[in-house]
PDB file of N, CA and C in Angstrom:
ATOM      1  N   MET A   1     -37.146 -11.814  13.897  1.00  0.00           N
ATOM      2  CA  MET A   1     -38.446 -12.226  12.930  1.00  0.00           C
ATOM      3  C   MET A   1     -37.959 -12.140  11.308  1.00  0.00           C
ATOM      4  N   SER A   2     -38.392 -13.031  10.703  1.00  0.00           N
ATOM      5  CA  SER A   2     -38.104 -13.112   9.248  1.00  0.00           C
ATOM      6  C   SER A   2     -38.939 -12.041   8.470  1.00  0.00           C
ATOM      7  N   VAL A   3     -38.726 -11.948   7.185  1.00  0.00           N
ATOM      8  CA  VAL A   3     -39.445 -10.914   6.609  1.00  0.00           C
ATOM      9  C   VAL A   3     -40.938 -11.436   6.422  1.00  0.00           C
ATOM     10  N   LYS A   4     -41.040 -12.809   6.035  1.00  0.00           N
ATOM     11  CA  LYS A   4     -42.190 -13.341   5.917  1.00  0.00           C
ATOM     12  C   LYS A   4     -43.133 -12.973   7.202  1.00  0.00           C
ATOM     13  N   GLU A   5     -42.567 -13.412   8.323  1.00  0.00           N
ATOM     14  CA  GLU A   5     -43.339 -13.259   9.518  1.00  0.00           C
ATOM     15  C   GLU A   5     -43.701 -11.570   9.909  1.00  0.00           C
ATOM     16  N   ILE A   6     -42.809 -10.705   9.300  1.00  0.00           N
ATOM     17  CA  ILE A   6     -43.174  -9.362   9.547  1.00  0.00           C
ATOM     18  C   ILE A   6     -44.271  -8.936   8.581  1.00  0.00           C
ATOM     19  N   GLU A   7     -44.314  -9.342   7.289  1.00  0.00           N
ATOM     20  CA  GLU A   7     -45.241  -9.438   6.244  1.00  0.00           C
ATOM     21  C   GLU A   7     -46.560 -10.060   6.729  1.00  0.00           C
ATOM     22  N   ASP A   8     -46.655 -11.075   7.328  1.00  0.00           N
ATOM     23  CA  ASP A   8     -48.162 -11.741   7.955  1.00  0.00           C
ATOM     24  C   ASP A   8     -48.451 -10.873   8.890  1.00  0.00           C
ATOM     25  N   ALA A   9     -47.572 -10.382   9.878  1.00  0.00           N
ATOM     26  CA  ALA A   9     -48.018  -9.701  11.123  1.00  0.00           C
ATOM     27  C   ALA A   9     -48.401  -8.331  10.727  1.00  0.00           C
ATOM     28  N   MET A  10     -47.991  -7.752   9.602  1.00  0.00           N
ATOM     29  CA  MET A  10     -48.358  -6.490   8.887  1.00  0.00           C
ATOM     30  C   MET A  10     -49.503  -6.353   7.969  1.00  0.00           C
ATOM     31  N   GLU A  11     -49.869  -7.886   7.398  1.00  0.00           N
ATOM     32  CA  GLU A  11     -50.942  -7.928   6.412  1.00  0.00           C
ATOM     33  C   GLU A  11     -52.148  -6.714   6.496  1.00  0.00           C
ATOM     34  N   GLY A  12     -52.473  -6.103   5.408  1.00  0.00           N
ATOM     35  CA  GLY A  12     -53.497  -5.383   5.506  1.00  0.00           C
ATOM     36  C   GLY A  12     -53.343  -4.013   6.024  1.00  0.00           C
ATOM     37  N   THR A  13     -52.172  -3.615   6.438  1.00  0.00           N
ATOM     38  CA  THR A  13     -52.066  -2.342   6.988  1.00  0.00           C
ATOM     39  C   THR A  13     -51.292  -1.437   5.850  1.00  0.00           C
ATOM     40  N   PRO A  14     -51.585   0.046   6.078  1.00  0.00           N
ATOM     41  CA  PRO A  14     -50.891   0.735   5.290  1.00  0.00           C
ATOM     42  C   PRO A  14     -49.338   0.874   5.456  1.00  0.00           C
ATOM     43  N   LEU A  15     -48.890   0.664   6.495  1.00  0.00           N
ATOM     44  CA  LEU A  15     -47.482   0.773   6.670  1.00  0.00           C
ATOM     45  C   LEU A  15     -46.683  -0.416   6.199  1.00  0.00           C
ATOM     46  N   LEU A  16     -47.229  -1.417   5.887  1.00  0.00           N
ATOM     47  CA  LEU A  16     -46.434  -2.572   5.199  1.00  0.00           C
ATOM     48  C   LEU A  16     -46.214  -1.953   3.802  1.00  0.00           C
ATOM     49  N   ASP A  17     -47.036  -1.403   3.016  1.00  0.00           N
ATOM     50  CA  ASP A  17     -46.717  -0.762   1.770  1.00  0.00           C
ATOM     51  C   ASP A  17     -45.798   0.237   2.073  1.00  0.00           C
ATOM     52  N   VAL A  18     -45.576   1.062   2.948  1.00  0.00           N
ATOM     53  CA  VAL A  18     -44.774   1.997   3.233  1.00  0.00           C
ATOM     54  C   VAL A  18     -43.345   1.520   3.207  1.00  0.00           C
ATOM     55  N   LEU A  19     -43.146   0.420   4.065  1.00  0.00           N
ATOM     56  CA  LEU A  19     -41.990  -0.323   4.368  1.00  0.00           C
ATOM     57  C   LEU A  19     -41.423  -0.746   3.422  1.00  0.00           C
ATOM     58  N   LYS A  20     -42.358  -1.461   2.408  1.00  0.00           N
ATOM     59  CA  LYS A  20     -41.727  -2.126   1.118  1.00  0.00           C
ATOM     60  C   LYS A  20     -41.295  -1.083   0.161  1.00  0.00           C
ATOM     61  N   SER A  21     -41.758   0.040   0.020  1.00  0.00           N
ATOM     62  CA  SER A  21     -41.469   1.124  -0.647  1.00  0.00           C
ATOM     63  C   SER A  21     -40.202   1.921  -0.274  1.00  0.00           C
ATOM     64  N   VAL A  22     -40.000   1.786   0.981  1.00  0.00           N
ATOM     65  CA  VAL A  22     -38.734   2.637   1.741  1.00  0.00           C
ATOM     66  C   VAL A  22     -37.614   1.403   1.057  1.00  0.00           C
ATOM     67  N   ALA A  23     -38.070   0.196   1.526  1.00  0.00           N
ATOM     68  CA  ALA A  23     -36.775  -0.729   1.460  1.00  0.00           C
ATOM     69  C   ALA A  23     -36.166  -0.932   0.194  1.00  0.00           C
ATOM     70  N   LYS A  24     -37.403  -0.810  -0.824  1.00  0.00           N
ATOM     71  CA  LYS A  24     -37.066  -1.174  -2.410  1.00  0.00           C
ATOM     72  C   LYS A  24     -36.297   0.200  -2.951  1.00  0.00           C
ATOM     73  N   SER A  25     -36.447   1.380  -2.554  1.00  0.00           N
ATOM     74  CA  SER A  25     -35.909   2.528  -2.800  1.00  0.00           C
ATOM     75  C   SER A  25     -34.228   2.740  -2.094  1.00  0.00           C
ATOM     76  N   LYS A  26     -34.266   2.070  -0.923  1.00  0.00           N
ATOM     77  CA  LYS A  26     -32.853   2.142  -0.390  1.00  0.00           C
ATOM     78  C   LYS A  26     -32.028   0.917  -0.932  1.00  0.00           C
ATOM     79  N   ALA A  27     -32.595  -0.256  -1.403  1.00  0.00           N
ATOM     80  CA  ALA A  27     -31.804  -1.341  -2.075  1.00  0.00           C
ATOM     81  C   ALA A  27     -31.586  -1.207  -3.385  1.00  0.00           C
ATOM     82  N   LYS A  28     -32.218  -0.031  -4.123  1.00  0.00           N
ATOM     83  CA  LYS A  28     -31.884  -0.030  -5.579  1.00  0.00           C
ATOM     84  C   LYS A  28     -30.458   0.358  -5.675  1.00  0.00           C
ATOM     85  N   LYS A  29     -29.772   1.312  -4.961  1.00  0.00           N
ATOM     86  CA  LYS A  29     -28.446   1.583  -5.054  1.00  0.00           C
ATOM     87  C   LYS A  29     -27.432   0.465  -4.830  1.00  0.00           C
ATOM     88  N   PHE A  30     -27.771  -0.444  -4.382  1.00  0.00           N
ATOM     89  CA  PHE A  30     -26.830  -1.708  -4.196  1.00  0.00           C
ATOM     90  C   PHE A  30     -26.990  -2.833  -5.275  1.00  0.00           C
ATOM     91  N   LYS A  31     -27.855  -2.538  -6.269  1.00  0.00           N
ATOM     92  CA  LYS A  31     -28.380  -3.693  -7.216  1.00  0.00           C
ATOM     93  C   LYS A  31     -27.140  -4.103  -8.019  1.00  0.00           C
ATOM     94  N   ASP A  32     -26.198  -3.295  -8.356  1.00  0.00           N
ATOM     95  CA  ASP A  32     -25.197  -3.851  -9.212  1.00  0.00           C
ATOM     96  C   ASP A  32     -24.036  -4.147  -8.517  1.00  0.00           C
ATOM     97  N   ILE A  33     -24.200  -4.309  -7.155  1.00  0.00           N
ATOM     98  CA  ILE A  33     -22.962  -4.636  -6.519  1.00  0.00           C
ATOM     99  C   ILE A  33     -22.952  -6.287  -6.405  1.00  0.00           C
ATOM    100  N   ASP A  34     -21.408  -6.742  -6.775  1.00  0.00           N
ATOM    101  CA  ASP A  34     -21.542  -8.371  -6.649  1.00  0.00           C
ATOM    102  C   ASP A  34     -20.465  -8.662  -5.761  1.00  0.00           C
ATOM    103  N   ILE A  35     -20.104 -10.047  -5.357  1.00  0.00           N
ATOM    104  CA  ILE A  35     -19.399 -10.232  -4.360  1.00  0.00           C
ATOM    105  C   ILE A  35     -17.893  -9.845  -4.153  1.00  0.00           C
ATOM    106  N   ALA A  36     -17.465  -9.489  -5.478  1.00  0.00           N
ATOM    107  CA  ALA A  36     -15.918  -8.663  -5.580  1.00  0.00           C
ATOM    108  C   ALA A  36     -15.884  -7.203  -5.161  1.00  0.00           C
ATOM    109  N   ASP A  37     -17.036  -6.824  -4.926  1.00  0.00           N
ATOM    110  CA  ASP A  37     -17.161  -5.351  -4.637  1.00  0.00           C
ATOM    111  C   ASP A  37     -17.210  -5.071  -3.175  1.00  0.00           C
ATOM    112  N   GLY A  38     -17.385  -5.926  -2.188  1.00  0.00           N
ATOM    113  CA  GLY A  38     -17.459  -5.671  -1.177  1.00  0.00           C
ATOM    114  C   GLY A  38     -16.489  -5.044  -0.315  1.00  0.00           C
ATOM    115  N   ALA A  39     -15.187  -4.882  -0.419  1.00  0.00           N
ATOM    116  CA  ALA A  39     -14.221  -4.223   0.189  1.00  0.00           C
ATOM    117  C   ALA A  39     -14.331  -2.775  -0.354  1.00  0.00           C
ATOM    118  N   ALA A  40     -15.108  -2.584  -1.231  1.00  0.00           N
ATOM    119  CA  ALA A  40     -15.216  -0.890  -1.769  1.00  0.00           C
ATOM    120  C   ALA A  40     -16.335  -0.455  -1.249  1.00  0.00           C
ATOM    121  N   TYR A  41     -16.946  -0.878  -0.656  1.00  0.00           N
ATOM    122  CA  TYR A  41     -18.359  -0.123  -0.015  1.00  0.00           C
ATOM    123  C   TYR A  41     -18.049  -0.060   1.648  1.00  0.00           C
ATOM    124  N   ILE A  42     -17.308   0.721   2.107  1.00  0.00           N
ATOM    125  CA  ILE A  42     -17.381   1.111   3.522  1.00  0.00           C
ATOM    126  C   ILE A  42     -17.403   2.526   3.822  1.00  0.00           C
ATOM    127  N   THR A  43     -17.972   3.075   4.742  1.00  0.00           N
ATOM    128  CA  THR A  43     -17.721   4.463   5.188  1.00  0.00           C
ATOM    129  C   THR A  43     -16.670   4.998   5.594  1.00  0.00           C
ATOM    130  N   ASP A  44     -16.568   6.200   5.675  1.00  0.00           N
ATOM    131  CA  ASP A  44     -15.155   6.657   6.177  1.00  0.00           C
ATOM    132  C   ASP A  44     -15.247   6.345   7.717  1.00  0.00           C
ATOM    133  N   GLU A  45     -16.725   6.599   8.523  1.00  0.00           N
ATOM    134  CA  GLU A  45     -16.575   6.018   9.513  1.00  0.00           C
ATOM    135  C   GLU A  45     -16.417   4.677  10.161  1.00  0.00           C
ATOM    136  N   MET A  46     -16.548   3.805   9.292  1.00  0.00           N
ATOM    137  CA  MET A  46     -16.171   2.379   9.462  1.00  0.00           C
ATOM    138  C   MET A  46     -14.716   2.318   9.277  1.00  0.00           C
ATOM    139  N   CYS A  47     -14.391   2.773   8.044  1.00  0.00           N
ATOM    140  CA  CYS A  47     -12.739   2.666   8.148  1.00  0.00           C
ATOM    141  C   CYS A  47     -11.960   3.385   9.287  1.00  0.00           C
ATOM    142  N   GLU A  48     -12.573   4.280   9.923  1.00  0.00           N
ATOM    143  CA  GLU A  48     -11.807   5.044  11.178  1.00  0.00           C
ATOM    144  C   GLU A  48     -12.216   4.165  12.223  1.00  0.00           C
ATOM    145  N   ASN A  49     -13.205   3.377  12.363  1.00  0.00           N
ATOM    146  CA  ASN A  49     -13.478   2.286  13.578  1.00  0.00           C
ATOM    147  C   ASN A  49     -12.404   1.235  13.436  1.00  0.00           C
ATOM    148  N   LEU A  50     -12.578   0.614  12.231  1.00  0.00           N
ATOM    149  CA  LEU A  50     -11.589  -0.524  11.844  1.00  0.00           C
ATOM    150  C   LEU A  50     -10.160  -0.422  12.124  1.00  0.00           C
ATOM    151  N   LEU A  51      -9.724   0.880  11.573  1.00  0.00           N
ATOM    152  CA  LEU A  51      -8.389   1.474  12.111  1.00  0.00           C
ATOM    153  C   LEU A  51      -8.143   1.406  13.700  1.00  0.00           C
ATOM    154  N   LYS A  52      -9.211   1.943  14.311  1.00  0.00           N
ATOM    155  CA  LYS A  52      -8.976   2.098  15.674  1.00  0.00           C
ATOM    156  C   LYS A  52      -8.941   0.509  16.290  1.00  0.00           C
ATOM    157  N   MET A  53      -9.654  -0.218  15.891  1.00  0.00           N
ATOM    158  CA  MET A  53      -9.710  -1.517  16.438  1.00  0.00           C
ATOM    159  C   MET A  53      -8.601  -2.541  16.227  1.00  0.00           C
ATOM    160  N   VAL A  54      -7.815  -2.395  15.139  1.00  0.00           N
ATOM    161  CA  VAL A  54      -6.399  -3.245  14.850  1.00  0.00           C
ATOM    162  C   VAL A  54      -5.250  -2.165  15.458  1.00  0.00           C
ATOM    163  N   GLY A  55      -5.667  -1.229  16.099  1.00  0.00           N
ATOM    164  CA  GLY A  55      -4.539  -0.237  16.742  1.00  0.00           C
ATOM    165  C   GLY A  55      -3.714   0.599  15.557  1.00  0.00           C
ATOM    166  N   SER A  56      -4.381   0.828  14.634  1.00  0.00           N
ATOM    167  CA  SER A  56      -3.521   1.785  13.543  1.00  0.00           C
ATOM    168  C   SER A  56      -3.856   3.347  13.504  1.00  0.00           C
ATOM    169  N   TRP A  57      -4.871   3.561  14.467  1.00  0.00           N
ATOM    170  CA  TRP A  57      -5.314   4.953  14.765  1.00  0.00           C
ATOM    171  C   TRP A  57      -4.258   5.672  15.265  1.00  0.00           C
ATOM    172  N   SER A  58      -3.940   6.824  14.595  1.00  0.00           N
ATOM    173  CA  SER A  58      -2.932   7.878  15.421  1.00  0.00           C
ATOM    174  C   SER A  58      -3.220   9.342  15.094  1.00  0.00           C
ATOM    175  N   ASN A  59      -2.643  10.197  15.696  1.00  0.00           N
ATOM    176  CA  ASN A  59      -3.033  11.748  15.538  1.00  0.00           C
ATOM    177  C   ASN A  59      -2.606  12.036  13.948  1.00  0.00           C
ATOM    178  N   GLU A  60      -1.876  11.324  13.321  1.00  0.00           N
ATOM    179  CA  GLU A  60      -1.688  11.757  11.890  1.00  0.00           C
ATOM    180  C   GLU A  60      -2.496  11.310  11.153  1.00  0.00           C
ATOM    181  N   ILE A  61      -3.296   9.806  11.385  1.00  0.00           N
ATOM    182  CA  ILE A  61      -4.447   9.312  10.634  1.00  0.00           C
ATOM    183  C   ILE A  61      -5.479  10.342  11.191  1.00  0.00           C
ATOM    184  N   GLU A  62      -5.751  10.652  12.093  1.00  0.00           N
ATOM    185  CA  GLU A  62      -6.717  11.544  12.431  1.00  0.00           C
ATOM    186  C   GLU A  62      -6.757  12.835  11.671  1.00  0.00           C
ATOM    187  N   GLN A  63      -5.636  13.490  11.721  1.00  0.00           N
ATOM    188  CA  GLN A  63      -5.576  14.767  11.061  1.00  0.00           C
ATOM    189  C   GLN A  63      -5.823  14.454   9.677  1.00  0.00           C
ATOM    190  N   ALA A  64      -5.411  13.234   8.983  1.00  0.00           N
ATOM    191  CA  ALA A  64      -5.768  12.976   7.477  1.00  0.00           C
ATOM    192  C   ALA A  64      -7.124  12.748   7.433  1.00  0.00           C
ATOM    193  N   PHE A  65      -7.992  12.272   8.265  1.00  0.00           N
ATOM    194  CA  PHE A  65      -9.463  12.239   8.083  1.00  0.00           C
ATOM    195  C   PHE A  65      -9.989  13.340   8.193  1.00  0.00           C
ATOM    196  N   LYS A  66      -9.546  14.406   9.012  1.00  0.00           N
ATOM    197  CA  LYS A  66     -10.189  15.683   9.203  1.00  0.00           C
ATOM    198  C   LYS A  66      -9.947  16.335   7.709  1.00  0.00           C
ATOM    199  N   ILE A  67      -8.771  16.404   7.141  1.00  0.00           N
ATOM    200  CA  ILE A  67      -8.602  16.980   5.818  1.00  0.00           C
ATOM    201  C   ILE A  67      -9.564  16.358   4.983  1.00  0.00           C
ATOM    202  N   LEU A  68      -9.785  15.153   4.895  1.00  0.00           N
ATOM    203  CA  LEU A  68     -10.527  14.622   3.681  1.00  0.00           C
ATOM    204  C   LEU A  68     -12.016  14.774   4.085  1.00  0.00           C
ATOM    205  N   ARG A  69     -12.317  14.841   5.459  1.00  0.00           N
ATOM    206  CA  ARG A  69     -13.946  15.192   5.618  1.00  0.00           C
ATOM    207  C   ARG A  69     -14.314  16.965   5.456  1.00  0.00           C
ATOM    208  N   GLY A  70     -13.146  17.519   5.114  1.00  0.00           N
ATOM    209  CA  GLY A  70     -13.370  18.777   5.008  1.00  0.00           C
ATOM    210  C   GLY A  70     -13.710  19.827   6.464  1.00  0.00           C
ATOM    211  N   GLN A  71     -12.984  19.084   7.407  1.00  0.00           N
ATOM    212  CA  GLN A  71     -12.967  19.645   8.643  1.00  0.00           C
ATOM    213  C   GLN A  71     -11.634  20.564   8.972  1.00  0.00           C
ATOM    214  N   GLU A  72     -10.789  20.416   8.034  1.00  0.00           N
ATOM    215  CA  GLU A  72      -9.505  21.307   7.862  1.00  0.00           C
ATOM    216  C   GLU A  72      -9.424  22.400   7.002  1.00  0.00           C
ATOM    217  N   ILE A  73      -9.331  23.769   7.473  1.00  0.00           N
ATOM    218  CA  ILE A  73      -9.075  24.720   6.620  1.00  0.00           C
ATOM    219  C   ILE A  73      -7.609  25.050   5.987  1.00  0.00           C
ATOM    220  N   ASN A  74      -7.712  25.043   4.615  1.00  0.00           N
ATOM    221  CA  ASN A  74      -6.471  25.426   3.838  1.00  0.00           C
ATOM    222  C   ASN A  74      -6.247  27.028   4.122  1.00  0.00           C
ATOM    223  N   PRO A  75      -5.136  27.367   4.884  1.00  0.00           N
ATOM    224  CA  PRO A  75      -4.620  28.569   5.076  1.00  0.00           C
ATOM    225  C   PRO A  75      -4.545  29.555   3.896  1.00  0.00           C
ATOM    226  N   LYS A  76      -4.410  29.084   2.863  1.00  0.00           N
ATOM    227  CA  LYS A  76      -4.126  29.874   1.525  1.00  0.00           C
ATOM    228  C   LYS A  76      -5.543  30.259   1.048  1.00  0.00           C
ATOM    229  N   THR A  77      -6.553  29.434   1.125  1.00  0.00           N
ATOM    230  CA  THR A  77      -7.909  29.851   0.639  1.00  0.00           C
ATOM    231  C   THR A  77      -8.917  30.381   1.431  1.00  0.00           C
ATOM    232  N   GLY A  78      -8.468  29.709   2.801  1.00  0.00           N
ATOM    233  CA  GLY A  78      -9.746  30.100   3.727  1.00  0.00           C
ATOM    234  C   GLY A  78     -10.951  29.082   3.809  1.00  0.00           C
ATOM    235  N   LYS A  79     -10.784  28.096   2.880  1.00  0.00           N
ATOM    236  CA  LYS A  79     -11.669  27.080   2.765  1.00  0.00           C
ATOM    237  C   LYS A  79     -11.304  25.690   3.113  1.00  0.00           C
ATOM    238  N   PRO A  80     -12.237  24.617   3.295  1.00  0.00           N
ATOM    239  CA  PRO A  80     -11.619  23.466   3.316  1.00  0.00           C
ATOM    240  C   PRO A  80     -10.930  22.877   2.212  1.00  0.00           C
ATOM    241  N   TYR A  81      -9.970  21.922   2.541  1.00  0.00           N
ATOM    242  CA  TYR A  81      -9.035  21.154   1.252  1.00  0.00           C
ATOM    243  C   TYR A  81      -9.858  20.686   0.414  1.00  0.00           C
ATOM    244  N   THR A  82      -9.521  20.950  -0.776  1.00  0.00           N
ATOM    245  CA  THR A  82     -10.155  20.021  -2.034  1.00  0.00           C
ATOM    246  C   THR A  82      -9.469  19.012  -2.195  1.00  0.00           C
ATOM    247  N   VAL A  83      -9.821  18.169  -3.364  1.00  0.00           N
ATOM    248  CA  VAL A  83      -9.326  16.859  -3.733  1.00  0.00           C
ATOM    249  C   VAL A  83      -8.017  17.074  -4.238  1.00  0.00           C
ATOM    250  N   SER A  84      -8.002  18.138  -5.190  1.00  0.00           N
ATOM    251  CA  SER A  84      -6.903  18.694  -5.875  1.00  0.00           C
ATOM    252  C   SER A  84      -5.717  19.125  -5.102  1.00  0.00           C
ATOM    253  N   ASP A  85      -5.879  19.729  -3.700  1.00  0.00           N
ATOM    254  CA  ASP A  85      -4.836  20.019  -2.896  1.00  0.00           C
ATOM    255  C   ASP A  85      -3.740  18.810  -2.625  1.00  0.00           C
ATOM    256  N   SER A  86      -2.334  19.210  -2.755  1.00  0.00           N
ATOM    257  CA  SER A  86      -1.648  18.444  -2.280  1.00  0.00           C
ATOM    258  C   SER A  86      -1.780  17.672  -0.995  1.00  0.00           C
ATOM    259  N   ARG A  87      -2.155  18.585  -0.104  1.00  0.00           N
ATOM    260  CA  ARG A  87      -2.205  18.104   1.512  1.00  0.00           C
ATOM    261  C   ARG A  87      -3.473  17.033   1.416  1.00  0.00           C
ATOM    262  N   ALA A  88      -4.466  17.135   0.746  1.00  0.00           N
ATOM    263  CA  ALA A  88      -5.442  16.196   0.671  1.00  0.00           C
ATOM    264  C   ALA A  88      -5.116  15.016   0.079  1.00  0.00           C
ATOM    265  N   THR A  89      -4.396  15.086  -1.036  1.00  0.00           N
ATOM    266  CA  THR A  89      -3.753  13.677  -1.655  1.00  0.00           C
ATOM    267  C   THR A  89      -2.752  13.197  -0.662  1.00  0.00           C
ATOM    268  N   LYS A  90      -1.972  13.886  -0.031  1.00  0.00           N
ATOM    269  CA  LYS A  90      -0.982  12.981   0.960  1.00  0.00           C
ATOM    270  C   LYS A  90      -1.822  12.574   2.164  1.00  0.00           C
ATOM    271  N   ALA A  91      -3.090  13.199   2.632  1.00  0.00           N
ATOM    272  CA  ALA A  91      -3.870  12.617   3.583  1.00  0.00           C
ATOM    273  C   ALA A  91      -4.493  11.200   2.979  1.00  0.00           C
ATOM    274  N   TYR A  92      -4.830  11.388   1.853  1.00  0.00           N
ATOM    275  CA  TYR A  92      -5.777  10.121   1.025  1.00  0.00           C
ATOM    276  C   TYR A  92      -4.597   9.029   1.214  1.00  0.00           C
ATOM    277  N   ASN A  93      -3.275   9.146   0.775  1.00  0.00           N
ATOM    278  CA  ASN A  93      -2.393   8.334   0.620  1.00  0.00           C
ATOM    279  C   ASN A  93      -2.109   7.848   1.899  1.00  0.00           C
ATOM    280  N   LYS A  94      -1.897   8.635   2.710  1.00  0.00           N
ATOM    281  CA  LYS A  94      -1.870   8.250   4.299  1.00  0.00           C
ATOM    282  C   LYS A  94      -2.737   7.214   4.812  1.00  0.00           C
ATOM    283  N   ILE A  95      -4.135   7.599   4.360  1.00  0.00           N
ATOM    284  CA  ILE A  95      -5.131   6.434   5.096  1.00  0.00           C
ATOM    285  C   ILE A  95      -4.816   5.115   4.237  1.00  0.00           C
ATOM    286  N   ILE A  96      -4.974   5.504   2.970  1.00  0.00           N
ATOM    287  CA  ILE A  96      -4.887   4.021   2.031  1.00  0.00           C
ATOM    288  C   ILE A  96      -3.686   3.174   2.529  1.00  0.00           C
ATOM    289  N   THR A  97      -2.539   3.918   2.664  1.00  0.00           N
ATOM    290  CA  THR A  97      -1.492   2.953   3.044  1.00  0.00           C
ATOM    291  C   THR A  97      -1.389   2.503   4.459  1.00  0.00           C
ATOM    292  N   THR A  98      -2.135   3.209   5.612  1.00  0.00           N
ATOM    293  CA  THR A  98      -2.374   2.302   6.773  1.00  0.00           C
ATOM    294  C   THR A  98      -3.648   1.322   6.501  1.00  0.00           C
ATOM    295  N   VAL A  99      -4.329   1.445   5.747  1.00  0.00           N
ATOM    296  CA  VAL A  99      -5.606   0.485   5.462  1.00  0.00           C
ATOM    297  C   VAL A  99      -5.113  -0.788   4.929  1.00  0.00           C
ATOM    298  N   ILE A 100      -4.280  -0.633   3.761  1.00  0.00           N
ATOM    299  CA  ILE A 100      -3.717  -1.693   3.026  1.00  0.00           C
ATOM    300  C   ILE A 100      -2.379  -2.117   3.716  1.00  0.00           C
ATOM    301  N   GLY A 101      -1.769  -1.357   4.337  1.00  0.00           N
ATOM    302  CA  GLY A 101      -0.439  -1.816   5.072  1.00  0.00           C
ATOM    303  C   GLY A 101       0.836  -1.595   3.945  1.00  0.00           C
ATOM    304  N   ALA A 102       0.551  -1.101   2.726  1.00  0.00           N
ATOM    305  CA  ALA A 102       1.687  -0.998   1.975  1.00  0.00           C
ATOM    306  C   ALA A 102       2.537   0.029   2.411  1.00  0.00           C
TER     307      ALA A 102
END
C-alpha cells in the first residue's frame, strides 16, 4: 500500500494522527542525512550480518564485536572494556580493516 492509500483508508481515525506523529518523530533524526552519508549509518548487527554474508566472519572478529558491545570484561577493572582501552582500540581496528579490507 502507498502512503496515500493508507491515509485514505484511515481517514478520520485517531490512529492516523498517532501514526503520523510517530513517523515524524522517527524521521527527524534522519533529516540531515544526504546521499554521501549512506555508508556511515549501519548498525553493528547489520555490519555483523554483512561480514557473515561475505565470509569474513571469524572467531577473532566475533571476539572484537563482543569487546566493542561491552560483552567482554576487562580483567584489570572487572568492568566491560571502554573506548580508551587498548584492547577495544585493537578490536575496532580489526573490524574496520575487515570491513574495508585494507
